[in-house]
Amino acid sequence: QSILEDIKGRVNNVLREYKTSKALSGNT
């Protein structure tokens, strides 16, 4: 369970980073 939670946390961090960069794309 703790391994799964750790991996899910890492995936969520990457997804947050992706969403942030996607929201900022096109900014001059």
PDB file of all heavy atoms in Angstrom:
ATOM      1  N   GLN A   1       0.827  -1.204   0.000  1.00  0.00           N
ATOM      2  CA  GLN A   1       0.000   0.000   0.000  1.00  0.00           C
ATOM      3  C   GLN A   1       0.867   1.262   0.000  1.00  0.00           C
ATOM      4  O   GLN A   1       0.597   2.203  -0.737  1.00  0.00           O
ATOM      5  CB  GLN A   1      -0.950   0.011   1.202  1.00  0.00           C
ATOM      6  CG  GLN A   1      -1.891   1.202   1.240  1.00  0.00           C
ATOM      7  CD  GLN A   1      -2.848   1.240   0.054  1.00  0.00           C
ATOM      8  OE1 GLN A   1      -3.284   0.205  -0.443  1.00  0.00           O
ATOM      9  NE2 GLN A   1      -3.167   2.434  -0.411  1.00  0.00           N
ATOM     10  N   SER A   2       1.923   1.271   0.816  1.00  0.00           N
ATOM     11  CA  SER A   2       2.770   2.459   0.871  1.00  0.00           C
ATOM     12  C   SER A   2       3.563   2.634  -0.427  1.00  0.00           C
ATOM     13  O   SER A   2       3.802   3.755  -0.863  1.00  0.00           O
ATOM     14  CB  SER A   2       3.707   2.425   2.083  1.00  0.00           C
ATOM     15  OG  SER A   2       4.594   1.338   2.005  1.00  0.00           O
ATOM     16  N   ILE A   3       3.940   1.533  -1.066  1.00  0.00           N
ATOM     17  CA  ILE A   3       4.628   1.613  -2.366  1.00  0.00           C
ATOM     18  C   ILE A   3       3.688   2.218  -3.393  1.00  0.00           C
ATOM     19  O   ILE A   3       4.059   3.119  -4.149  1.00  0.00           O
ATOM     20  CB  ILE A   3       5.128   0.225  -2.814  1.00  0.00           C
ATOM     21  CG1 ILE A   3       6.238  -0.261  -1.885  1.00  0.00           C
ATOM     22  CG2 ILE A   3       5.588   0.257  -4.269  1.00  0.00           C
ATOM     23  CD1 ILE A   3       6.634  -1.717  -2.089  1.00  0.00           C
ATOM     24  N   LEU A   4       2.458   1.732  -3.405  1.00  0.00           N
ATOM     25  CA  LEU A   4       1.454   2.246  -4.349  1.00  0.00           C
ATOM     26  C   LEU A   4       1.196   3.729  -4.108  1.00  0.00           C
ATOM     27  O   LEU A   4       1.133   4.526  -5.058  1.00  0.00           O
ATOM     28  CB  LEU A   4       0.157   1.447  -4.227  1.00  0.00           C
ATOM     29  CG  LEU A   4      -0.970   1.808  -5.173  1.00  0.00           C
ATOM     30  CD1 LEU A   4      -0.542   1.639  -6.624  1.00  0.00           C
ATOM     31  CD2 LEU A   4      -2.203   0.964  -4.884  1.00  0.00           C
ATOM     32  N   GLU A   5       1.064   4.132  -2.853  1.00  0.00           N
ATOM     33  CA  GLU A   5       0.839   5.547  -2.534  1.00  0.00           C
ATOM     34  C   GLU A   5       2.022   6.411  -2.960  1.00  0.00           C
ATOM     35  O   GLU A   5       1.835   7.514  -3.475  1.00  0.00           O
ATOM     36  CB  GLU A   5       0.557   5.707  -1.046  1.00  0.00           C
ATOM     37  CG  GLU A   5      -0.801   5.187  -0.634  1.00  0.00           C
ATOM     38  CD  GLU A   5      -1.012   5.192   0.869  1.00  0.00           C
ATOM     39  OE1 GLU A   5      -0.197   5.788   1.601  1.00  0.00           O
ATOM     40  OE2 GLU A   5      -2.000   4.582   1.321  1.00  0.00           O
ATOM     41  N   ASP A   6       3.234   5.899  -2.780  1.00  0.00           N
ATOM     42  CA  ASP A   6       4.426   6.639  -3.194  1.00  0.00           C
ATOM     43  C   ASP A   6       4.423   6.854  -4.711  1.00  0.00           C
ATOM     44  O   ASP A   6       4.658   7.965  -5.185  1.00  0.00           O
ATOM     45  CB  ASP A   6       5.687   5.881  -2.768  1.00  0.00           C
ATOM     46  CG  ASP A   6       6.947   6.589  -3.201  1.00  0.00           C
ATOM     47  OD1 ASP A   6       7.311   7.598  -2.551  1.00  0.00           O
ATOM     48  OD2 ASP A   6       7.569   6.158  -4.197  1.00  0.00           O
ATOM     49  N   ILE A   7       4.164   5.799  -5.450  1.00  0.00           N
ATOM     50  CA  ILE A   7       4.157   5.906  -6.914  1.00  0.00           C
ATOM     51  C   ILE A   7       3.026   6.819  -7.387  1.00  0.00           C
ATOM     52  O   ILE A   7       3.225   7.655  -8.270  1.00  0.00           O
ATOM     53  CB  ILE A   7       4.089   4.508  -7.559  1.00  0.00           C
ATOM     54  CG1 ILE A   7       5.400   3.766  -7.277  1.00  0.00           C
ATOM     55  CG2 ILE A   7       3.814   4.604  -9.052  1.00  0.00           C
ATOM     56  CD1 ILE A   7       5.404   2.316  -7.679  1.00  0.00           C
ATOM     57  N   LYS A   8       1.855   6.696  -6.781  1.00  0.00           N
ATOM     58  CA  LYS A   8       0.737   7.589  -7.145  1.00  0.00           C
ATOM     59  C   LYS A   8       1.106   9.047  -6.869  1.00  0.00           C
ATOM     60  O   LYS A   8       0.782   9.935  -7.650  1.00  0.00           O
ATOM     61  CB  LYS A   8      -0.529   7.221  -6.362  1.00  0.00           C
ATOM     62  CG  LYS A   8      -1.254   6.019  -6.899  1.00  0.00           C
ATOM     63  CD  LYS A   8      -2.530   5.787  -6.090  1.00  0.00           C
ATOM     64  CE  LYS A   8      -3.308   4.610  -6.591  1.00  0.00           C
ATOM     65  NZ  LYS A   8      -4.540   4.382  -5.807  1.00  0.00           N
ATOM     66  N   GLY A   9       1.790   9.297  -5.767  1.00  0.00           N
ATOM     67  CA  GLY A   9       2.220  10.657  -5.442  1.00  0.00           C
ATOM     68  C   GLY A   9       3.180  11.203  -6.487  1.00  0.00           C
ATOM     69  O   GLY A   9       3.079  12.367  -6.899  1.00  0.00           O
ATOM     70  N   ARG A  10       4.109  10.364  -6.939  1.00  0.00           N
ATOM     71  CA  ARG A  10       5.052  10.791  -7.978  1.00  0.00           C
ATOM     72  C   ARG A  10       4.320  11.101  -9.281  1.00  0.00           C
ATOM     73  O   ARG A  10       4.617  12.099  -9.945  1.00  0.00           O
ATOM     74  CB  ARG A  10       6.110   9.714  -8.219  1.00  0.00           C
ATOM     75  CG  ARG A  10       7.022   9.486  -7.037  1.00  0.00           C
ATOM     76  CD  ARG A  10       7.967   8.348  -7.321  1.00  0.00           C
ATOM     77  NE  ARG A  10       8.607   7.879  -6.099  1.00  0.00           N
ATOM     78  CZ  ARG A  10       9.847   7.443  -6.055  1.00  0.00           C
ATOM     79  NH1 ARG A  10      10.591   7.422  -7.139  1.00  0.00           N
ATOM     80  NH2 ARG A  10      10.365   7.019  -4.924  1.00  0.00           N
ATOM     81  N   VAL A  11       3.374  10.246  -9.648  1.00  0.00           N
ATOM     82  CA  VAL A  11       2.591  10.470 -10.875  1.00  0.00           C
ATOM     83  C   VAL A  11       1.796  11.765 -10.749  1.00  0.00           C
ATOM     84  O   VAL A  11       1.759  12.582 -11.682  1.00  0.00           O
ATOM     85  CB  VAL A  11       1.663   9.275 -11.178  1.00  0.00           C
ATOM     86  CG1 VAL A  11       0.666   9.609 -12.282  1.00  0.00           C
ATOM     87  CG2 VAL A  11       2.482   8.037 -11.535  1.00  0.00           C
ATOM     88  N   ASN A  12       1.178  11.990  -9.610  1.00  0.00           N
ATOM     89  CA  ASN A  12       0.406  13.219  -9.404  1.00  0.00           C
ATOM     90  C   ASN A  12       1.286  14.465  -9.486  1.00  0.00           C
ATOM     91  O   ASN A  12       0.859  15.493 -10.022  1.00  0.00           O
ATOM     92  CB  ASN A  12      -0.341  13.168  -8.073  1.00  0.00           C
ATOM     93  CG  ASN A  12      -1.538  12.248  -8.127  1.00  0.00           C
ATOM     94  OD1 ASN A  12      -2.121  12.029  -9.185  1.00  0.00           O
ATOM     95  ND2 ASN A  12      -1.904  11.679  -6.993  1.00  0.00           N
ATOM     96  N   ASN A  13       2.512  14.394  -8.982  1.00  0.00           N
ATOM     97  CA  ASN A  13       3.432  15.529  -9.098  1.00  0.00           C
ATOM     98  C   ASN A  13       3.729  15.842 -10.558  1.00  0.00           C
ATOM     99  O   ASN A  13       3.746  17.007 -10.963  1.00  0.00           O
ATOM    100  CB  ASN A  13       4.744  15.239  -8.357  1.00  0.00           C
ATOM    101  CG  ASN A  13       4.587  15.281  -6.859  1.00  0.00           C
ATOM    102  OD1 ASN A  13       3.627  15.836  -6.332  1.00  0.00           O
ATOM    103  ND2 ASN A  13       5.529  14.672  -6.166  1.00  0.00           N
ATOM    104  N   VAL A  14       3.964  14.808 -11.356  1.00  0.00           N
ATOM    105  CA  VAL A  14       4.240  15.009 -12.779  1.00  0.00           C
ATOM    106  C   VAL A  14       3.008  15.587 -13.474  1.00  0.00           C
ATOM    107  O   VAL A  14       3.119  16.501 -14.299  1.00  0.00           O
ATOM    108  CB  VAL A  14       4.688  13.689 -13.437  1.00  0.00           C
ATOM    109  CG1 VAL A  14       4.741  13.823 -14.954  1.00  0.00           C
ATOM    110  CG2 VAL A  14       6.037  13.258 -12.893  1.00  0.00           C
ATOM    111  N   LEU A  15       1.831  15.079 -13.148  1.00  0.00           N
ATOM    112  CA  LEU A  15       0.604  15.589 -13.762  1.00  0.00           C
ATOM    113  C   LEU A  15       0.369  17.055 -13.407  1.00  0.00           C
ATOM    114  O   LEU A  15      -0.033  17.851 -14.266  1.00  0.00           O
ATOM    115  CB  LEU A  15      -0.602  14.746 -13.337  1.00  0.00           C
ATOM    116  CG  LEU A  15      -0.660  13.345 -13.928  1.00  0.00           C
ATOM    117  CD1 LEU A  15      -1.815  12.556 -13.317  1.00  0.00           C
ATOM    118  CD2 LEU A  15      -0.766  13.389 -15.434  1.00  0.00           C
ATOM    119  N   ARG A  16       0.644  17.437 -12.154  1.00  0.00           N
ATOM    120  CA  ARG A  16       0.512  18.846 -11.754  1.00  0.00           C
ATOM    121  C   ARG A  16       1.465  19.723 -12.552  1.00  0.00           C
ATOM    122  O   ARG A  16       1.104  20.800 -13.027  1.00  0.00           O
ATOM    123  CB  ARG A  16       0.780  19.001 -10.257  1.00  0.00           C
ATOM    124  CG  ARG A  16      -0.459  19.038  -9.411  1.00  0.00           C
ATOM    125  CD  ARG A  16      -0.189  19.512  -7.982  1.00  0.00           C
ATOM    126  NE  ARG A  16       0.932  18.862  -7.328  1.00  0.00           N
ATOM    127  CZ  ARG A  16       0.871  17.680  -6.718  1.00  0.00           C
ATOM    128  NH1 ARG A  16      -0.266  17.020  -6.693  1.00  0.00           N
ATOM    129  NH2 ARG A  16       1.937  17.168  -6.143  1.00  0.00           N
ATOM    130  N   GLU A  17       2.700  19.247 -12.703  1.00  0.00           N
ATOM    131  CA  GLU A  17       3.692  19.997 -13.467  1.00  0.00           C
ATOM    132  C   GLU A  17       3.244  20.137 -14.923  1.00  0.00           C
ATOM    133  O   GLU A  17       3.357  21.211 -15.514  1.00  0.00           O
ATOM    134  CB  GLU A  17       5.035  19.283 -13.404  1.00  0.00           C
ATOM    135  CG  GLU A  17       6.146  19.998 -14.130  1.00  0.00           C
ATOM    136  CD  GLU A  17       7.468  19.256 -14.032  1.00  0.00           C
ATOM    137  OE1 GLU A  17       7.714  18.565 -13.030  1.00  0.00           O
ATOM    138  OE2 GLU A  17       8.255  19.384 -14.979  1.00  0.00           O
ATOM    139  N   TYR A  18       2.719  19.068 -15.493  1.00  0.00           N
ATOM    140  CA  TYR A  18       2.233  19.110 -16.875  1.00  0.00           C
ATOM    141  C   TYR A  18       1.075  20.100 -17.016  1.00  0.00           C
ATOM    142  O   TYR A  18       1.056  20.920 -17.930  1.00  0.00           O
ATOM    143  CB  TYR A  18       1.797  17.717 -17.344  1.00  0.00           C
ATOM    144  CG  TYR A  18       1.119  17.747 -18.683  1.00  0.00           C
ATOM    145  CD1 TYR A  18       1.868  17.912 -19.851  1.00  0.00           C
ATOM    146  CD2 TYR A  18      -0.258  17.645 -18.791  1.00  0.00           C
ATOM    147  CE1 TYR A  18       1.253  17.963 -21.081  1.00  0.00           C
ATOM    148  CE2 TYR A  18      -0.877  17.698 -20.024  1.00  0.00           C
ATOM    149  CZ  TYR A  18      -0.119  17.852 -21.167  1.00  0.00           C
ATOM    150  OH  TYR A  18      -0.744  17.918 -22.382  1.00  0.00           O
ATOM    151  N   LYS A  19       0.115  20.025 -16.098  1.00  0.00           N
ATOM    152  CA  LYS A  19      -1.042  20.922 -16.164  1.00  0.00           C
ATOM    153  C   LYS A  19      -0.608  22.381 -16.041  1.00  0.00           C
ATOM    154  O   LYS A  19      -1.134  23.253 -16.737  1.00  0.00           O
ATOM    155  CB  LYS A  19      -2.053  20.567 -15.070  1.00  0.00           C
ATOM    156  CG  LYS A  19      -2.793  19.285 -15.340  1.00  0.00           C
ATOM    157  CD  LYS A  19      -3.725  18.939 -14.184  1.00  0.00           C
ATOM    158  CE  LYS A  19      -4.414  17.621 -14.414  1.00  0.00           C
ATOM    159  NZ  LYS A  19      -5.292  17.251 -13.299  1.00  0.00           N
ATOM    160  N   THR A  20       0.358  22.645 -15.169  1.00  0.00           N
ATOM    161  CA  THR A  20       0.852  24.010 -15.008  1.00  0.00           C
ATOM    162  C   THR A  20       1.531  24.495 -16.281  1.00  0.00           C
ATOM    163  O   THR A  20       1.257  25.593 -16.759  1.00  0.00           O
ATOM    164  CB  THR A  20       1.844  24.097 -13.829  1.00  0.00           C
ATOM    165  OG1 THR A  20       1.167  23.696 -12.637  1.00  0.00           O
ATOM    166  CG2 THR A  20       2.392  25.500 -13.667  1.00  0.00           C
ATOM    167  N   SER A  21       2.392  23.659 -16.857  1.00  0.00           N
ATOM    168  CA  SER A  21       3.084  24.083 -18.075  1.00  0.00           C
ATOM    169  C   SER A  21       2.108  24.225 -19.230  1.00  0.00           C
ATOM    170  O   SER A  21       2.253  25.124 -20.060  1.00  0.00           O
ATOM    171  CB  SER A  21       4.213  23.112 -18.433  1.00  0.00           C
ATOM    172  OG  SER A  21       3.710  21.842 -18.739  1.00  0.00           O
ATOM    173  N   LYS A  22       1.102  23.386 -19.284  1.00  0.00           N
ATOM    174  CA  LYS A  22       0.079  23.487 -20.339  1.00  0.00           C
ATOM    175  C   LYS A  22      -0.702  24.789 -20.191  1.00  0.00           C
ATOM    176  O   LYS A  22      -0.993  25.468 -21.179  1.00  0.00           O
ATOM    177  CB  LYS A  22      -0.857  22.283 -20.262  1.00  0.00           C
ATOM    178  CG  LYS A  22      -1.771  22.138 -21.418  1.00  0.00           C
ATOM    179  CD  LYS A  22      -1.007  21.690 -22.628  1.00  0.00           C
ATOM    180  CE  LYS A  22      -1.975  21.392 -23.747  1.00  0.00           C
ATOM    181  NZ  LYS A  22      -1.328  21.423 -25.048  1.00  0.00           N
ATOM    182  N   ALA A  23      -1.021  25.165 -18.969  1.00  0.00           N
ATOM    183  CA  ALA A  23      -1.769  26.397 -18.726  1.00  0.00           C
ATOM    184  C   ALA A  23      -0.944  27.629 -19.091  1.00  0.00           C
ATOM    185  O   ALA A  23      -1.492  28.661 -19.479  1.00  0.00           O
ATOM    186  CB  ALA A  23      -2.199  26.478 -17.267  1.00  0.00           C
ATOM    187  N   LEU A  24       0.376  27.522 -18.989  1.00  0.00           N
ATOM    188  CA  LEU A  24       1.248  28.649 -19.285  1.00  0.00           C
ATOM    189  C   LEU A  24       1.710  28.699 -20.733  1.00  0.00           C
ATOM    190  O   LEU A  24       2.337  29.672 -21.152  1.00  0.00           O
ATOM    191  CB  LEU A  24       2.465  28.625 -18.366  1.00  0.00           C
ATOM    192  CG  LEU A  24       2.165  28.785 -16.876  1.00  0.00           C
ATOM    193  CD1 LEU A  24       3.431  28.535 -16.066  1.00  0.00           C
ATOM    194  CD2 LEU A  24       1.592  30.137 -16.582  1.00  0.00           C
ATOM    195  N   SER A  25       1.423  27.646 -21.513  1.00  0.00           N
ATOM    196  CA  SER A  25       1.890  27.610 -22.903  1.00  0.00           C
ATOM    197  C   SER A  25       1.248  28.769 -23.681  1.00  0.00           C
ATOM    198  O   SER A  25       0.107  29.151 -23.454  1.00  0.00           O
ATOM    199  CB  SER A  25       1.581  26.279 -23.566  1.00  0.00           C
ATOM    200  OG  SER A  25       0.198  26.115 -23.737  1.00  0.00           O
ATOM    201  N   GLY A  26       2.011  29.318 -24.573  1.00  0.00           N
ATOM    202  CA  GLY A  26       1.530  30.443 -25.357  1.00  0.00           C
ATOM    203  C   GLY A  26       1.819  31.782 -24.721  1.00  0.00           C
ATOM    204  O   GLY A  26       1.630  32.821 -25.346  1.00  0.00           O
ATOM    205  N   ASN A  27       2.293  31.796 -23.484  1.00  0.00           N
ATOM    206  CA  ASN A  27       2.650  33.040 -22.801  1.00  0.00           C
ATOM    207  C   ASN A  27       3.975  33.518 -23.393  1.00  0.00           C
ATOM    208  O   ASN A  27       4.961  32.798 -23.385  1.00  0.00           O
ATOM    209  CB  ASN A  27       2.781  32.801 -21.298  1.00  0.00           C
ATOM    210  CG  ASN A  27       3.014  34.066 -20.525  1.00  0.00           C
ATOM    211  OD1 ASN A  27       3.745  34.953 -20.961  1.00  0.00           O
ATOM    212  ND2 ASN A  27       2.390  34.153 -19.369  1.00  0.00           N
ATOM    213  N   THR A  28       3.993  34.720 -23.902  1.00  0.00           N
ATOM    214  CA  THR A  28       5.197  35.242 -24.580  1.00  0.00           C
ATOM    215  C   THR A  28       6.373  35.446 -23.629  1.00  0.00           C
ATOM    216  O   THR A  28       7.499  35.592 -24.089  1.00  0.00           O
ATOM    217  CB  THR A  28       4.879  36.583 -25.281  1.00  0.00           C
ATOM    218  OG1 THR A  28       4.378  37.499 -24.306  1.00  0.00           O
ATOM    219  CG2 THR A  28       3.866  36.396 -26.369  1.00  0.00           C
TER     220      THR A  28
END
